[in-house]
């Protein structure tokens, strides 16, 4: 297979990824309908806090549920305490739920379009692309992850959070305060957003860190004051709730759960391994002259974000960042197309279990191993990201402040 150079070939590639996403979304909508379960849960939690009630107290039956809000599902409810305040942007507790259903879907579309447009401009300004058409196609990859289907189906805010992080990348140098505000809202899902503080710390960008930190702490304090619950108690309730989830993927060492390992140990190993991958990636960025390249940093953080803590399918939307970095190389080789496919479609985590069935095994037995193989493949895909951002494959690039120009 020849390398892809032309605009037409790239257009067909992006169109193929978008078709897979839309097909996946259509399949869910036809077979399952529009659940919006997560939207309802987050809306209920925000509404209770606005009424001065602790959602966990309602879940435990210590406080009667409000008829206008309803009982919160004790098995799946709960979120980080600052999201009870900041989350009103995405799941406004002051609106009736019928309006919130429309609001969350509109935000999905608006944030995706804003992130696509912002990414196009960033790629042109930074020199990763010098062709506006290719930059626009790269921006369209914001909508390409097949996991958007899960986010829309359940009304999960992960798509909006991932778009916020893309917009942080786009405005970090020009509007650091706005970047901090967007990062704070992205922290409504810290399992995705927290690791994106690390590139800012390594590059000593204190202003967005300070803005995001102040907003998160302020929102946490406001939720505590509104409900009369101690801040650490609110956080501890969420941690205990998260350790009991049964439908989540608990990171790189998830397979150990099958051998009886406790969840806290699995998550601890995930954090250590994730930070080790980030440190190794940061060292590689310095060696290859990419220390000043924000796209390289954010692609690295995106891969680490799916390794270091618990995840669900919709959280994988963030892998659009390494896919964009690869897409912007001079010519796309077959290995680059494979890396992009791994980032944008759950081909391994879903395909391996079905392959196991064809070989006579039980599908469920292979599920954890599918995610592990996928995680290893994603780490390997980081090599293609570095190659895409360097001037020559396998050779250190000259120190270029914002990447390299792309050939038409």
Protein backbone atom coordinates (compact mmCIF):
# COMPACT_ATOMS: atom_id res chain seq x y z
CA UNK A 1 0.00 0.00 0.00
CA UNK A 2 1.37 3.38 -0.99
CA UNK A 3 1.63 6.32 1.37
CA UNK A 4 -1.18 8.86 1.21
CA UNK A 5 -0.14 12.33 0.06
CA UNK A 6 -3.07 14.00 -1.68
CA UNK A 7 -5.92 16.03 -0.28
CA UNK A 8 -8.40 13.66 -1.93
CA UNK A 9 -6.93 10.62 -0.20
CA UNK A 10 -6.98 12.40 3.16
CA UNK A 11 -10.57 13.53 2.54
CA UNK A 12 -11.61 9.92 1.86
CA UNK A 13 -9.81 8.79 5.03
CA UNK A 14 -11.59 11.34 7.23
CA UNK A 15 -14.89 10.52 5.52
CA UNK A 16 -14.37 6.82 6.31
CA UNK A 17 -13.77 7.53 10.01
CA UNK A 18 -16.82 9.81 10.16
CA UNK A 19 -18.92 7.12 8.46
CA UNK A 20 -17.89 4.56 11.07
CA UNK A 21 -18.83 6.96 13.88
CA UNK A 22 -22.20 7.81 12.32
CA UNK A 23 -22.89 4.14 11.65
CA UNK A 24 -22.11 3.29 15.25
CA UNK A 25 -24.33 6.13 16.47
CA UNK A 26 -27.15 5.10 14.16
CA UNK A 27 -26.91 1.49 15.33
CA UNK A 28 -27.24 2.56 18.95
CA UNK A 29 -30.13 4.95 18.28
CA UNK A 30 -32.09 2.37 16.26
CA UNK A 31 -31.50 -0.58 18.60
CA UNK A 32 -31.44 1.16 21.98
CA UNK A 33 -32.87 4.66 21.67
CA UNK A 34 -31.57 7.82 23.31
CA UNK A 35 -31.02 6.88 26.96
CA UNK A 36 -29.46 10.06 28.39
CA UNK A 37 -29.08 8.23 31.72
CA UNK A 38 -25.86 10.03 32.60
CA UNK A 39 -27.43 13.39 31.81
CA UNK A 40 -30.26 12.64 34.20
CA UNK A 41 -27.89 11.58 36.99
CA UNK A 42 -25.66 14.64 36.66
CA UNK A 43 -28.73 16.91 36.41
CA UNK A 44 -30.19 15.41 39.57
CA UNK A 45 -26.93 15.88 41.47
CA UNK A 46 -26.60 19.51 40.39
CA UNK A 47 -30.25 20.17 41.24
CA UNK A 48 -29.92 18.69 44.74
CA UNK A 49 -26.85 20.79 45.50
CA UNK A 50 -28.69 23.90 44.30
CA UNK A 51 -31.41 22.92 46.81
CA UNK A 52 -28.76 22.63 49.53
CA UNK A 53 -28.84 18.83 49.71
CA UNK A 54 -25.96 16.37 49.48
CA UNK A 55 -26.67 13.91 46.60
CA UNK A 56 -24.98 11.09 48.51
CA UNK A 57 -27.28 11.69 51.47
CA UNK A 58 -30.21 11.29 49.09
CA UNK A 59 -28.68 8.12 47.61
CA UNK A 60 -28.19 6.62 51.09
CA UNK A 61 -31.76 7.47 52.10
CA UNK A 62 -30.61 9.88 54.81
CA UNK A 63 -32.45 12.76 53.08
CA UNK A 64 -35.83 12.32 51.35
CA UNK A 65 -35.79 12.70 47.59
CA UNK A 66 -37.47 15.76 46.13
CA UNK A 67 -40.47 14.80 43.94
CA UNK A 68 -39.45 17.33 41.27
CA UNK A 69 -35.94 15.84 41.03
CA UNK A 70 -36.47 12.18 41.87
CA UNK A 71 -34.37 9.53 43.58
CA UNK A 72 -30.73 9.21 42.52
CA UNK A 73 -29.58 5.73 41.47
CA UNK A 74 -27.32 4.59 44.30
CA UNK A 75 -25.44 2.16 42.02
CA UNK A 76 -24.35 4.63 39.34
CA UNK A 77 -24.80 8.10 40.87
CA UNK A 78 -22.09 10.36 42.27
CA UNK A 79 -19.42 12.59 40.81
CA UNK A 80 -16.53 14.73 42.03
CA UNK A 81 -17.79 17.53 44.34
CA UNK A 82 -16.62 20.49 42.23
CA UNK A 83 -18.70 19.15 39.32
CA UNK A 84 -21.85 19.80 41.37
CA UNK A 85 -21.19 23.49 40.70
CA UNK A 86 -19.14 23.61 37.47
CA UNK A 87 -21.31 20.88 35.99
CA UNK A 88 -24.27 23.25 35.81
CA UNK A 89 -22.83 24.42 32.50
CA UNK A 90 -23.45 20.98 31.00
CA UNK A 91 -26.29 19.65 33.15
CA UNK A 92 -27.99 22.78 34.56
CA UNK A 93 -29.82 21.82 37.72
CA UNK A 94 -31.89 25.00 37.59
CA UNK A 95 -33.66 23.90 34.40
CA UNK A 96 -36.36 21.23 34.00
CA UNK A 97 -34.98 17.93 32.75
CA UNK A 98 -36.93 18.18 29.48
CA UNK A 99 -34.90 21.29 28.63
CA UNK A 100 -31.65 19.70 29.81
CA UNK A 101 -32.12 16.82 27.35
CA UNK A 102 -32.04 19.29 24.47
CA UNK A 103 -29.27 21.36 26.09
CA UNK A 104 -26.75 18.51 26.45
CA UNK A 105 -27.22 17.40 22.82
CA UNK A 106 -26.85 20.97 21.59
CA UNK A 107 -23.66 21.39 23.64
CA UNK A 108 -22.22 18.19 22.15
CA UNK A 109 -22.61 19.64 18.67
CA UNK A 110 -21.55 23.20 19.52
CA UNK A 111 -18.41 22.20 21.42
CA UNK A 112 -17.43 19.70 18.72
CA UNK A 113 -17.76 22.35 16.01
CA UNK A 114 -15.88 24.91 18.12
CA UNK A 115 -13.07 22.42 18.80
CA UNK A 116 -12.87 21.47 15.10
CA UNK A 117 -12.65 25.12 14.04
CA UNK A 118 -10.19 25.99 16.80
CA UNK A 119 -7.99 23.03 15.97
CA UNK A 120 -7.89 24.04 12.31
CA UNK A 121 -6.64 27.49 13.27
CA UNK A 122 -4.10 26.14 15.74
CA UNK A 123 -2.58 23.74 13.20
CA UNK A 124 -2.14 26.57 10.70
CA UNK A 125 -0.69 29.00 13.26
CA UNK A 126 1.68 26.47 14.77
CA UNK A 127 3.05 25.26 11.44
CA UNK A 128 1.84 21.68 11.73
CA UNK A 129 -0.11 22.31 8.53
CA UNK A 130 0.42 24.92 5.85
CA UNK A 131 -2.53 23.76 3.74
CA UNK A 132 -5.89 25.15 5.00
CA UNK A 133 -7.77 22.24 3.44
CA UNK A 134 -5.68 19.64 5.25
CA UNK A 135 -5.98 21.63 8.49
CA UNK A 136 -9.78 21.62 8.08
CA UNK A 137 -9.77 17.86 7.54
CA UNK A 138 -7.64 17.44 10.66
CA UNK A 139 -10.16 19.56 12.56
CA UNK A 140 -12.97 17.31 11.33
CA UNK A 141 -11.30 14.42 13.17
CA UNK A 142 -12.76 15.92 16.36
CA UNK A 143 -16.03 14.28 15.29
CA UNK A 144 -14.41 11.05 14.08
CA UNK A 145 -13.96 8.92 17.24
CA UNK A 146 -16.55 6.13 17.15
CA UNK A 147 -16.93 6.56 20.93
CA UNK A 148 -19.01 9.71 20.31
CA UNK A 149 -21.90 7.27 19.88
CA UNK A 150 -21.65 6.25 23.55
CA UNK A 151 -21.40 9.85 24.72
CA UNK A 152 -24.51 10.89 22.78
CA UNK A 153 -26.51 7.77 23.65
CA UNK A 154 -25.99 8.11 27.41
CA UNK A 155 -25.81 11.89 27.47
CA UNK A 156 -22.37 11.66 29.00
CA UNK A 157 -20.35 14.88 29.22
CA UNK A 158 -17.12 13.22 28.10
CA UNK A 159 -17.41 14.57 24.54
CA UNK A 160 -17.77 18.12 25.85
CA UNK A 161 -14.86 17.60 28.26
CA UNK A 162 -12.61 16.31 25.48
CA UNK A 163 -13.55 19.27 23.29
CA UNK A 164 -12.68 21.60 26.17
CA UNK A 165 -9.22 20.04 26.28
CA UNK A 166 -8.81 20.50 22.52
CA UNK A 167 -9.74 24.15 22.99
CA UNK A 168 -7.19 24.43 25.82
CA UNK A 169 -4.56 23.38 23.29
CA UNK A 170 -5.85 25.95 20.79
CA UNK A 171 -5.82 28.99 23.10
CA UNK A 172 -3.02 28.14 25.54
CA UNK A 173 -0.46 30.57 24.12
CA UNK A 174 -2.81 33.38 23.11
CA UNK A 175 -5.40 33.22 25.93
CA UNK A 176 -3.94 31.44 28.98
CA UNK A 177 -6.74 32.59 31.31
CA UNK A 178 -9.40 31.15 29.00
CA UNK A 179 -7.33 27.96 28.78
CA UNK A 180 -7.44 27.72 32.57
CA UNK A 181 -11.22 28.22 32.61
CA UNK A 182 -11.70 25.48 30.01
CA UNK A 183 -9.37 23.15 31.91
CA UNK A 184 -11.41 23.73 35.08
CA UNK A 185 -14.63 22.71 33.31
CA UNK A 186 -12.84 19.69 31.85
CA UNK A 187 -12.03 18.66 35.43
CA UNK A 188 -15.68 17.66 35.77
CA UNK A 189 -14.16 14.38 34.52
CA UNK A 190 -10.74 14.33 36.22
CA UNK A 191 -10.04 10.81 34.99
CA UNK A 192 -9.57 12.44 31.57
CA UNK A 193 -8.44 15.97 32.38
CA UNK A 194 -6.07 15.69 35.35
CA UNK A 195 -3.06 14.49 33.37
CA UNK A 196 -3.33 17.56 31.12
CA UNK A 197 -2.00 19.61 34.03
CA UNK A 198 1.30 17.76 33.65
CA UNK A 199 2.36 19.34 30.32
CA UNK A 200 1.56 22.78 31.78
CA UNK A 201 3.66 21.98 34.83
CA UNK A 202 6.57 20.71 32.73
CA UNK A 203 6.42 23.84 30.55
CA UNK A 204 5.93 26.08 33.63
CA UNK A 205 2.68 27.63 32.45
CA UNK A 206 1.52 28.71 35.88
CA UNK A 207 -1.30 31.06 34.88
CA UNK A 208 -3.71 28.45 33.42
CA UNK A 209 -2.79 26.08 36.25
CA UNK A 210 -3.65 28.76 38.82
CA UNK A 211 -6.92 29.73 37.11
CA UNK A 212 -8.07 26.11 36.77
CA UNK A 213 -7.00 25.26 40.31
CA UNK A 214 -8.78 28.29 41.77
CA UNK A 215 -12.02 27.51 39.93
CA UNK A 216 -11.98 23.85 40.94
CA UNK A 217 -11.23 24.60 44.59
CA UNK A 218 -13.77 27.43 44.62
CA UNK A 219 -16.48 25.21 43.16
CA UNK A 220 -15.61 22.45 45.63
CA UNK A 221 -15.89 24.89 48.52
CA UNK A 222 -19.17 26.27 47.20
CA UNK A 223 -20.66 22.76 46.99
CA UNK A 224 -19.52 22.08 50.55
CA UNK A 225 -21.05 25.31 51.85
CA UNK A 226 -24.31 24.72 49.98
CA UNK A 227 -24.81 21.20 51.34
CA UNK A 228 -23.18 21.54 54.76
CA UNK A 229 -20.97 18.51 54.03
CA UNK A 230 -17.23 18.67 54.71
CA UNK A 231 -15.17 18.93 51.50
CA UNK A 232 -13.11 15.81 52.19
CA UNK A 233 -16.24 13.86 53.08
CA UNK A 234 -17.71 14.71 49.67
CA UNK A 235 -14.55 13.54 47.93
CA UNK A 236 -14.30 10.37 50.02
CA UNK A 237 -17.91 9.48 49.22
CA UNK A 238 -17.11 9.73 45.52
CA UNK A 239 -13.94 7.63 45.82
CA UNK A 240 -15.82 4.90 47.67
CA UNK A 241 -18.56 4.99 45.06
CA UNK A 242 -16.05 4.75 42.22
CA UNK A 243 -14.33 1.73 43.73
CA UNK A 244 -17.65 -0.09 43.56
CA UNK A 245 -18.38 0.51 39.88
CA UNK A 246 -18.72 -2.73 37.93
CA UNK A 247 -19.18 -1.44 34.38
CA UNK A 248 -15.96 0.59 34.10
CA UNK A 249 -12.56 -0.32 32.73
CA UNK A 250 -10.02 0.20 35.50
CA UNK A 251 -7.03 1.15 33.42
CA UNK A 252 -3.89 -0.65 32.36
CA UNK A 253 -4.00 -3.29 35.13
CA UNK A 254 -7.73 -3.98 34.84
CA UNK A 255 -6.97 -7.64 34.02
CA UNK A 256 -5.75 -8.16 37.59
CA UNK A 257 -9.36 -7.88 38.81
CA UNK A 258 -9.92 -11.28 37.21
CA UNK A 259 -7.30 -12.70 39.56
CA UNK A 260 -8.99 -11.25 42.66
CA UNK A 261 -6.87 -8.09 43.07
CA UNK A 262 -8.67 -5.26 44.92
CA UNK A 263 -9.71 -2.24 42.89
CA UNK A 264 -7.58 0.15 44.94
CA UNK A 265 -4.44 -1.86 44.11
CA UNK A 266 -5.30 -1.94 40.41
CA UNK A 267 -5.82 1.83 40.34
CA UNK A 268 -2.59 2.39 42.28
CA UNK A 269 -0.61 0.39 39.74
CA UNK A 270 -2.39 2.27 36.93
CA UNK A 271 -1.28 5.61 38.36
CA UNK A 272 2.34 4.50 38.72
CA UNK A 273 2.45 3.04 35.21
CA UNK A 274 0.69 6.04 33.69
CA UNK A 275 3.13 8.49 35.27
CA UNK A 276 6.04 6.33 34.09
CA UNK A 277 4.73 6.45 30.51
CA UNK A 278 4.33 10.21 30.77
CA UNK A 279 7.86 10.67 32.14
CA UNK A 280 9.31 8.50 29.37
CA UNK A 281 7.30 10.41 26.76
CA UNK A 282 8.44 13.77 28.16
CA UNK A 283 12.07 12.61 27.97
CA UNK A 284 11.50 11.58 24.35
CA UNK A 285 10.01 14.98 23.54
CA UNK A 286 13.11 16.69 24.88
CA UNK A 287 15.44 14.36 23.00
CA UNK A 288 13.60 14.86 19.71
CA UNK A 289 13.44 18.63 20.01
CA UNK A 290 9.68 18.71 20.57
CA UNK A 291 9.70 20.24 24.05
CA UNK A 292 7.99 23.43 22.79
CA UNK A 293 5.35 21.59 20.74
CA UNK A 294 1.99 21.65 22.53
CA UNK A 295 0.40 19.16 20.14
CA UNK A 296 3.06 16.59 21.05
CA UNK A 297 2.47 17.21 24.76
CA UNK A 298 -1.30 16.93 24.48
CA UNK A 299 -1.09 13.78 22.34
CA UNK A 300 1.12 12.24 25.03
CA UNK A 301 -1.28 13.30 27.80
CA UNK A 302 -4.23 11.88 25.83
CA UNK A 303 -2.68 8.42 25.64
CA UNK A 304 -1.71 8.51 29.32
CA UNK A 305 -5.25 9.58 30.23
CA UNK A 306 -6.69 6.25 29.05
CA UNK A 307 -4.08 4.24 30.96
CA UNK A 308 -3.82 5.83 34.38
CA UNK A 309 -7.32 5.54 35.93
CA UNK A 310 -10.77 4.08 35.41
CA UNK A 311 -12.45 4.70 32.06
CA UNK A 312 -15.58 4.09 30.04
CA UNK A 313 -15.85 3.96 26.27
CA UNK A 314 -16.87 7.59 25.80
CA UNK A 315 -13.74 8.78 27.62
CA UNK A 316 -11.67 7.49 24.70
CA UNK A 317 -12.80 10.41 22.53
CA UNK A 318 -9.67 12.22 23.78
CA UNK A 319 -7.55 9.95 21.57
CA UNK A 320 -8.46 12.20 18.66
CA UNK A 321 -5.39 14.27 19.67
CA UNK A 322 -2.74 11.66 18.78
CA UNK A 323 -4.76 10.82 15.67
CA UNK A 324 -4.56 14.46 14.56
CA UNK A 325 -0.82 14.56 15.23
CA UNK A 326 -0.33 11.53 12.99
CA UNK A 327 -2.69 12.88 10.31
CA UNK A 328 -0.53 16.01 9.96
CA UNK A 329 2.58 14.17 8.80
CA UNK A 330 3.95 14.58 5.27
CA UNK A 331 2.72 11.22 4.03
CA UNK A 332 0.52 8.65 5.77
CA UNK A 333 2.01 5.16 5.64
CA UNK A 334 0.04 1.97 6.42
CA UNK A 335 1.42 1.91 9.98
CA UNK A 336 0.15 5.48 10.45
CA UNK A 337 -3.32 4.46 9.27
CA UNK A 338 -3.26 1.56 11.72
CA UNK A 339 -2.26 3.87 14.58
CA UNK A 340 -5.05 6.32 13.70
CA UNK A 341 -7.57 3.48 13.55
CA UNK A 342 -6.55 2.27 17.01
CA UNK A 343 -7.01 5.81 18.34
CA UNK A 344 -10.38 6.50 16.70
CA UNK A 345 -12.09 3.09 16.74
CA UNK A 346 -12.14 0.42 19.48
CA UNK A 347 -11.00 -2.19 16.99
CA UNK A 348 -8.83 -4.19 19.40
CA UNK A 349 -10.90 -4.10 22.58
CA UNK A 350 -14.00 -5.19 20.65
CA UNK A 351 -12.38 -7.30 17.96
CA UNK A 352 -10.18 -9.51 20.15
CA UNK A 353 -13.09 -10.94 22.22
CA UNK A 354 -15.02 -11.83 19.04
CA UNK A 355 -11.89 -13.45 17.60
CA UNK A 356 -11.72 -15.45 20.82
CA UNK A 357 -15.30 -16.62 20.23
CA UNK A 358 -14.46 -17.72 16.68
CA UNK A 359 -11.64 -19.79 18.12
CA UNK A 360 -14.09 -21.55 20.44
CA UNK A 361 -13.65 -19.49 23.61
CA UNK A 362 -16.01 -17.39 25.71
CA UNK A 363 -16.25 -13.71 24.71
CA UNK A 364 -16.36 -12.38 28.27
CA UNK A 365 -13.13 -14.15 29.18
CA UNK A 366 -11.18 -12.13 26.63
CA UNK A 367 -12.70 -8.69 27.33
CA UNK A 368 -10.08 -7.47 29.87
CA UNK A 369 -7.25 -8.72 27.68
CA UNK A 370 -8.64 -6.80 24.70
CA UNK A 371 -8.27 -3.54 26.60
CA UNK A 372 -4.74 -4.49 27.71
CA UNK A 373 -3.62 -5.24 24.14
CA UNK A 374 -5.24 -1.98 23.04
CA UNK A 375 -3.35 -0.04 25.73
CA UNK A 376 -0.05 -1.53 24.58
CA UNK A 377 -0.92 -0.63 20.97
CA UNK A 378 -1.69 2.95 22.02
CA UNK A 379 1.69 3.30 23.68
CA UNK A 380 3.26 1.98 20.47
CA UNK A 381 1.21 4.54 18.52
CA UNK A 382 3.04 7.28 20.42
CA UNK A 383 6.08 6.43 18.30
CA UNK A 384 4.10 7.36 15.20
CA UNK A 385 3.08 10.63 16.89
CA UNK A 386 6.73 11.49 17.53
CA UNK A 387 7.66 10.52 13.98
CA UNK A 388 4.86 12.68 12.60
CA UNK A 389 6.07 15.72 14.51
CA UNK A 390 9.74 15.22 13.66
CA UNK A 391 11.32 16.19 10.35
CA UNK A 392 12.56 12.68 9.62
CA UNK A 393 11.44 9.30 10.93
CA UNK A 394 13.82 7.81 13.44
CA UNK A 395 16.05 10.88 13.64
CA UNK A 396 15.98 13.69 16.17
CA UNK A 397 14.33 16.77 14.73
CA UNK A 398 15.90 20.15 14.79
CA UNK A 399 14.48 22.20 17.66
CA UNK A 400 11.39 23.76 16.07
CA UNK A 401 9.25 25.89 18.44
CA UNK A 402 5.88 24.80 17.10
CA UNK A 403 6.41 21.67 15.02
CA UNK A 404 7.15 21.56 11.33
CA UNK A 405 5.57 22.69 8.13
CA UNK A 406 3.67 20.05 6.30
CA UNK A 407 4.11 19.42 2.61
CA UNK A 408 1.07 19.78 0.46
